[in-house]
Amino acid sequence: MINGAKVLVTGAAGFIGSHLVSCLVHNGAQVRALVHYNSRQDVGNLRFLDEETLASVEVVHGDVRDFGSVLQAAAGCSVIYHLAALIGIPYSYQAPRSYVDTVIGGTLNVLEAAKTLGTQRVLHVSTSEVYGDPVYTPMDECHPLITKSPYSACKAGADHLAQSYFHSFGTPVVTVRPFNTYGARQSPRAVIPTIIGQLLAGCLRIALGDITTKRDLTHVSDTCVGMLWASKEYRAIGEVFVLGSGVQYTIEDIALKLIAMINPEATIVSNPDRMRPEGSEVRSLLANATKAGEWLEWQGGAVDIDLGLEMTVDFMRKHPEFWGADEYQV
């Protein structure tokens, strides 16, 4: 279904989106990449693709919040990979309406375009943040959605909207919920690039928020393979799939690994500005990806955490312009 197919990736200029574009090209897809319009014609993280790969991608500039942009971009595509969103959880406390417009409104536009055009498959990309604090662990597709930030609330709303289009109109939607994806090109506001950026800037006191929270970390290459498999499996239509490694680390665990890799003399200090609002922090995320293993033959954790962190550090060493100074980014 993918080899030779014309596909659209929304959010293609982002961290995961740019990796997915590359993955799709290397699997034989004809990729159209929708990136957010700007006057500089900036293609975001797509600039990190090798020349041959990028040359084969049709880049279109538009806005997922605009139905006309989405409809035009989706025309002629058999599959839509919908990743476009505002990603920063801290910023969602400051500008919640922008998340409603982009995450929920953008998803509505993608679903309406797919319904109008008769698109064969829509892969809707959600997040583990919709689960909030665990009622049970590890967390599978049946875990209740307990949203604890405007960001997660909007993602959960988009999930429900996607499922409603499947049930109401037969729109062939598949939803995947990746747990914490990391790797090269991730926004400097995410915790792993934040730690690496401070270390590479020579800081001896690594400022972090709550280091006791636990996360299930999956390398971006594994996440992209899961998305690819989910979009190819016919039985997956109407289903939800958790994508995660099934292994959990505290933020302190990860920080200590990175300190050992880059500068063993560094220490961790607490910075209140980096804390989520009281009652909003998600204490623990741990995936049960059994369904993805059984239905999609996908296995998280193919890239070992230490290797994945080393590759991320190597990317940031080579691209200091990407992460800039060691200032905190919301």
Protein backbone atom coordinates (compact mmCIF):
# COMPACT_ATOMS: atom_id res chain seq x y z
CA MET A 1 0.00 0.00 0.00
CA ILE A 2 2.94 2.36 0.61
CA ASN A 3 5.43 1.50 -2.15
CA GLY A 4 4.54 3.78 -5.07
CA ALA A 5 1.66 5.43 -3.20
CA LYS A 6 1.14 9.19 -3.06
CA VAL A 7 0.93 10.20 0.61
CA LEU A 8 0.55 13.43 2.56
CA VAL A 9 2.36 14.18 5.82
CA THR A 10 1.02 17.09 7.86
CA GLY A 11 3.44 18.55 10.37
CA ALA A 12 6.22 17.39 8.07
CA ALA A 13 8.63 20.11 9.21
CA GLY A 14 8.51 18.90 12.80
CA PHE A 15 10.66 16.48 14.76
CA ILE A 16 8.78 13.23 14.16
CA GLY A 17 7.25 14.45 10.90
CA SER A 18 10.61 15.00 9.21
CA HIS A 19 11.80 11.54 10.24
CA LEU A 20 8.55 10.01 8.98
CA VAL A 21 8.97 11.75 5.62
CA SER A 22 12.41 10.17 5.26
CA CYS A 23 11.09 6.75 6.35
CA LEU A 24 8.27 6.91 3.80
CA VAL A 25 10.58 7.95 0.95
CA HIS A 26 12.93 5.08 1.74
CA ASN A 27 9.93 2.71 1.65
CA GLY A 28 8.99 3.82 -1.86
CA ALA A 29 6.24 6.37 -1.16
CA GLN A 30 5.73 9.54 -3.17
CA VAL A 31 5.62 12.07 -0.34
CA ARG A 32 3.88 15.42 -0.27
CA ALA A 33 4.96 17.34 2.85
CA LEU A 34 2.67 20.01 4.27
CA VAL A 35 4.66 22.58 6.25
CA HIS A 36 3.36 25.67 8.00
CA TYR A 37 3.44 28.69 5.72
CA ASN A 38 5.94 31.43 6.50
CA SER A 39 7.35 34.27 4.41
CA ARG A 40 10.85 32.73 4.45
CA GLN A 41 9.71 29.47 2.83
CA ASP A 42 11.38 27.73 5.78
CA VAL A 43 11.03 23.92 5.62
CA GLY A 44 11.97 23.36 9.25
CA ASN A 45 13.54 20.01 10.06
CA LEU A 46 13.21 18.83 6.47
CA ARG A 47 16.44 20.74 5.87
CA PHE A 48 18.27 17.94 7.66
CA LEU A 49 17.24 15.34 5.07
CA ASP A 50 19.95 14.37 2.61
CA GLU A 51 19.74 16.11 -0.76
CA GLU A 52 18.53 13.09 -2.69
CA THR A 53 15.71 12.37 -0.24
CA LEU A 54 14.57 15.99 -0.01
CA ALA A 55 14.66 16.36 -3.79
CA SER A 56 12.08 13.57 -4.07
CA VAL A 57 9.66 15.26 -1.63
CA GLU A 58 6.95 17.64 -2.82
CA VAL A 59 6.92 20.39 -0.21
CA VAL A 60 3.75 22.48 0.01
CA HIS A 61 3.27 25.46 2.32
CA GLY A 62 -0.06 25.98 4.03
CA ASP A 63 -1.88 25.94 7.35
CA VAL A 64 -3.62 22.94 8.86
CA ARG A 65 -6.11 25.35 10.45
CA ASP A 66 -7.31 26.31 6.96
CA PHE A 67 -9.58 23.75 5.30
CA GLY A 68 -8.67 24.93 1.79
CA SER A 69 -4.97 24.37 2.48
CA VAL A 70 -5.59 20.86 3.77
CA LEU A 71 -8.00 19.91 0.99
CA GLN A 72 -5.59 21.06 -1.71
CA ALA A 73 -2.64 19.29 -0.06
CA ALA A 74 -4.58 16.04 0.37
CA ALA A 75 -5.91 15.90 -3.20
CA GLY A 76 -4.58 12.86 -5.05
CA CYS A 77 -3.10 11.27 -1.90
CA SER A 78 -4.18 7.80 -0.85
CA VAL A 79 -2.88 8.11 2.73
CA ILE A 80 -2.71 11.07 5.11
CA TYR A 81 -0.28 10.94 8.02
CA HIS A 82 -1.59 13.60 10.38
CA LEU A 83 1.09 14.89 12.76
CA ALA A 84 0.50 18.66 12.66
CA ALA A 85 0.06 20.08 16.16
CA LEU A 86 1.39 22.55 18.66
CA ILE A 87 3.68 20.42 20.79
CA GLY A 88 4.90 22.34 23.82
CA ILE A 89 2.97 21.38 26.95
CA PRO A 90 4.21 24.43 28.94
CA TYR A 91 3.08 26.82 26.21
CA SER A 92 -0.40 25.27 26.29
CA TYR A 93 -0.87 26.81 29.75
CA GLN A 94 -0.21 30.24 28.23
CA ALA A 95 -2.09 29.95 24.92
CA PRO A 96 -4.75 27.22 25.21
CA ARG A 97 -6.99 28.59 22.45
CA SER A 98 -4.19 28.22 19.90
CA TYR A 99 -4.06 24.51 20.77
CA VAL A 100 -7.79 24.13 20.26
CA ASP A 101 -7.53 25.83 16.87
CA THR A 102 -4.52 23.85 15.68
CA VAL A 103 -4.93 20.43 17.27
CA ILE A 104 -8.71 20.03 17.23
CA GLY A 105 -9.51 22.37 14.35
CA GLY A 106 -6.64 21.02 12.27
CA THR A 107 -7.72 17.43 12.86
CA LEU A 108 -11.28 18.32 11.85
CA ASN A 109 -9.95 19.77 8.58
CA VAL A 110 -7.92 16.63 7.87
CA LEU A 111 -10.91 14.37 8.55
CA GLU A 112 -13.24 16.50 6.44
CA ALA A 113 -10.72 16.51 3.58
CA ALA A 114 -10.37 12.72 3.81
CA LYS A 115 -14.17 12.30 3.79
CA THR A 116 -14.56 14.67 0.85
CA LEU A 117 -11.78 13.10 -1.21
CA GLY A 118 -12.38 9.45 -0.31
CA THR A 119 -8.86 9.05 1.10
CA GLN A 120 -7.97 5.39 1.63
CA ARG A 121 -6.33 5.79 5.04
CA VAL A 122 -5.78 8.48 7.69
CA LEU A 123 -3.11 7.83 10.31
CA HIS A 124 -3.92 10.11 13.23
CA VAL A 125 -1.00 10.61 15.60
CA SER A 126 -1.93 11.11 19.24
CA THR A 127 0.23 11.03 22.38
CA SER A 128 0.61 9.15 25.66
CA GLU A 129 -0.08 12.44 27.46
CA VAL A 130 -3.82 11.80 26.97
CA TYR A 131 -3.58 9.07 29.63
CA GLY A 132 -2.44 11.34 32.45
CA ASP A 133 -1.45 9.61 35.68
CA PRO A 134 -1.83 5.84 35.45
CA VAL A 135 -4.92 4.07 36.76
CA TYR A 136 -2.90 0.92 36.04
CA THR A 137 0.45 0.14 34.47
CA PRO A 138 1.62 -0.62 31.91
CA MET A 139 -0.89 1.49 30.00
CA ASP A 140 -2.67 0.00 27.00
CA GLU A 141 -5.29 1.24 24.54
CA CYS A 142 -8.11 0.74 27.08
CA HIS A 143 -6.60 3.00 29.72
CA PRO A 144 -8.94 5.94 30.49
CA LEU A 145 -8.03 9.36 29.15
CA ILE A 146 -7.23 11.67 32.08
CA THR A 147 -6.04 14.92 30.56
CA LYS A 148 -3.93 17.17 32.79
CA SER A 149 -2.93 20.02 30.46
CA PRO A 150 -4.64 22.01 27.69
CA TYR A 151 -2.29 20.24 25.28
CA SER A 152 -3.36 16.75 26.34
CA ALA A 153 -7.03 17.78 26.47
CA CYS A 154 -6.86 18.95 22.85
CA LYS A 155 -5.09 15.77 21.74
CA ALA A 156 -7.74 13.67 23.47
CA GLY A 157 -10.44 15.74 21.79
CA ALA A 158 -8.79 15.14 18.42
CA ASP A 159 -8.66 11.40 19.18
CA HIS A 160 -12.38 11.31 19.89
CA LEU A 161 -13.07 13.35 16.76
CA ALA A 162 -11.08 10.89 14.65
CA GLN A 163 -12.95 7.91 16.13
CA SER A 164 -16.27 9.67 15.59
CA TYR A 165 -15.52 10.08 11.88
CA PHE A 166 -14.76 6.37 11.64
CA HIS A 167 -18.05 5.43 13.31
CA SER A 168 -20.20 8.15 11.70
CA PHE A 169 -18.86 8.27 8.16
CA GLY A 170 -16.67 5.19 7.76
CA THR A 171 -13.57 7.37 7.43
CA PRO A 172 -10.67 4.87 7.45
CA VAL A 173 -8.84 6.27 10.48
CA VAL A 174 -6.08 4.58 12.50
CA THR A 175 -4.86 6.23 15.70
CA VAL A 176 -1.43 5.69 17.20
CA ARG A 177 -0.38 6.92 20.64
CA PRO A 178 3.43 7.13 20.82
CA PHE A 179 4.93 7.35 24.26
CA ASN A 180 7.86 9.73 24.75
CA THR A 181 9.70 9.84 21.43
CA TYR A 182 13.23 11.23 21.38
CA GLY A 183 16.12 11.59 18.93
CA ALA A 184 17.81 13.98 16.52
CA ARG A 185 15.93 17.19 15.59
CA GLN A 186 13.73 17.20 18.68
CA SER A 187 12.74 20.66 19.87
CA PRO A 188 15.17 22.22 22.36
CA ARG A 189 12.21 22.67 24.73
CA ALA A 190 11.95 18.86 25.26
CA VAL A 191 13.76 17.45 28.27
CA ILE A 192 16.46 15.39 26.54
CA PRO A 193 17.63 18.22 24.21
CA THR A 194 17.39 20.58 27.20
CA ILE A 195 19.82 18.44 29.19
CA ILE A 196 22.18 17.92 26.24
CA GLY A 197 22.11 21.61 25.30
CA GLN A 198 23.11 22.70 28.79
CA LEU A 199 25.90 20.13 28.92
CA LEU A 200 27.27 21.06 25.49
CA ALA A 201 27.15 24.73 26.49
CA GLY A 202 29.53 23.89 29.33
CA CYS A 203 27.09 24.24 32.20
CA LEU A 204 28.16 22.47 35.37
CA ARG A 205 24.76 22.93 37.03
CA ILE A 206 22.08 21.32 34.88
CA ALA A 207 18.76 23.06 35.63
CA LEU A 208 15.71 20.80 35.46
CA GLY A 209 12.17 20.63 36.77
CA ASP A 210 10.80 17.52 38.48
CA ILE A 211 13.41 14.78 37.98
CA THR A 212 11.36 12.06 39.72
CA THR A 213 8.78 11.68 36.95
CA LYS A 214 9.03 8.47 34.94
CA ARG A 215 8.81 8.15 31.17
CA ASP A 216 8.77 5.38 28.55
CA LEU A 217 11.27 6.53 25.91
CA THR A 218 11.18 5.34 22.29
CA HIS A 219 13.67 6.36 19.62
CA VAL A 220 12.11 8.26 16.74
CA SER A 221 13.14 5.64 14.18
CA ASP A 222 11.14 3.00 16.08
CA THR A 223 8.14 5.31 16.34
CA CYS A 224 8.18 5.95 12.58
CA VAL A 225 8.28 2.23 11.80
CA GLY A 226 5.23 1.76 14.04
CA MET A 227 3.38 4.48 12.14
CA LEU A 228 4.32 2.92 8.84
CA TRP A 229 3.12 -0.54 9.88
CA ALA A 230 -0.15 0.88 11.29
CA SER A 231 -0.91 2.62 8.00
CA LYS A 232 -0.34 -0.59 6.00
CA GLU A 233 -2.41 -3.04 8.06
CA TYR A 234 -6.00 -3.26 6.78
CA ARG A 235 -7.32 -4.66 10.08
CA ALA A 236 -6.04 -1.54 11.85
CA ILE A 237 -8.81 0.70 10.48
CA GLY A 238 -10.84 2.10 13.37
CA GLU A 239 -8.31 0.90 15.92
CA VAL A 240 -5.97 2.60 18.41
CA PHE A 241 -2.38 1.46 18.97
CA VAL A 242 0.01 2.27 21.79
CA LEU A 243 3.62 2.66 20.63
CA GLY A 244 6.21 2.42 23.39
CA SER A 245 9.21 0.45 24.57
CA GLY A 246 7.73 -0.93 27.79
CA VAL A 247 10.77 0.31 29.73
CA GLN A 248 10.63 3.24 32.13
CA TYR A 249 13.26 5.76 33.27
CA THR A 250 13.12 8.72 35.62
CA ILE A 251 14.24 12.08 34.27
CA GLU A 252 17.10 11.82 36.75
CA ASP A 253 18.14 8.47 35.21
CA ILE A 254 18.34 10.06 31.76
CA ALA A 255 20.14 13.16 33.03
CA LEU A 256 22.78 11.03 34.75
CA LYS A 257 23.31 8.98 31.59
CA LEU A 258 23.86 12.15 29.58
CA ILE A 259 26.12 13.70 32.22
CA ALA A 260 28.26 10.56 32.12
CA MET A 261 28.47 10.79 28.32
CA ILE A 262 29.30 14.51 28.07
CA ASN A 263 30.68 15.92 31.33
CA PRO A 264 30.85 13.78 34.49
CA GLU A 265 31.63 16.85 36.57
CA ALA A 266 28.16 18.32 36.04
CA THR A 267 25.42 18.12 38.66
CA ILE A 268 21.63 18.51 38.62
CA VAL A 269 19.84 21.47 40.23
CA SER A 270 16.14 22.20 40.57
CA ASN A 271 14.61 25.17 38.75
CA PRO A 272 11.03 26.06 39.78
CA ASP A 273 10.43 27.79 36.43
CA ARG A 274 10.68 24.39 34.75
CA MET A 275 7.98 22.78 36.90
CA ARG A 276 4.51 22.13 35.54
CA PRO A 277 1.62 23.74 37.48
CA GLU A 278 0.67 21.87 40.65
CA GLY A 279 -1.79 19.10 39.80
CA SER A 280 -0.82 19.07 36.13
CA GLU A 281 2.32 16.92 36.23
CA VAL A 282 2.02 13.37 34.89
CA ARG A 283 4.00 11.25 37.30
CA SER A 284 4.45 8.08 35.29
CA LEU A 285 4.02 6.82 31.72
CA LEU A 286 4.71 3.20 30.82
CA ALA A 287 3.47 1.57 27.62
CA ASN A 288 1.90 -1.80 27.02
CA ALA A 289 2.41 -2.18 23.27
CA THR A 290 1.22 -5.81 23.11
CA LYS A 291 -1.50 -4.95 20.60
CA ALA A 292 0.98 -3.28 18.23
CA GLY A 293 3.21 -6.33 18.54
CA GLU A 294 0.40 -8.76 17.75
CA TRP A 295 -1.41 -6.77 15.04
CA LEU A 296 1.47 -4.91 13.42
CA GLU A 297 4.46 -7.10 14.32
CA TRP A 298 6.03 -3.95 15.75
CA GLN A 299 8.45 -3.95 18.64
CA GLY A 300 9.46 -0.83 20.55
CA GLY A 301 12.97 -0.48 21.88
CA ALA A 302 14.76 -1.76 18.79
CA VAL A 303 17.14 1.16 19.31
CA ASP A 304 18.76 0.75 22.73
CA ILE A 305 18.42 3.80 25.01
CA ASP A 306 22.16 4.35 25.35
CA LEU A 307 22.69 4.15 21.58
CA GLY A 308 19.72 6.44 20.99
CA LEU A 309 21.05 9.03 23.42
CA GLU A 310 24.51 8.84 21.85
CA MET A 311 23.03 9.47 18.40
CA THR A 312 21.07 12.43 19.75
CA VAL A 313 24.17 13.92 21.37
CA ASP A 314 26.11 13.42 18.13
CA PHE A 315 23.44 15.30 16.15
CA MET A 316 23.44 18.21 18.59
CA ARG A 317 27.24 18.41 18.56
CA LYS A 318 27.15 18.70 14.76
CA HIS A 319 24.34 21.28 14.76
CA PRO A 320 24.91 23.84 17.54
CA GLU A 321 22.77 26.27 15.57
CA PHE A 322 19.81 23.97 16.13
CA TRP A 323 19.75 24.19 19.91
CA GLY A 324 21.49 27.51 20.45
CA ALA A 325 22.20 28.76 23.95
CA ASP A 326 21.39 27.02 27.20
CA GLU A 327 18.40 29.26 27.97
CA TYR A 328 15.12 27.63 28.97
CA GLN A 329 12.61 27.38 26.13
CA VAL A 330 8.94 27.07 26.98
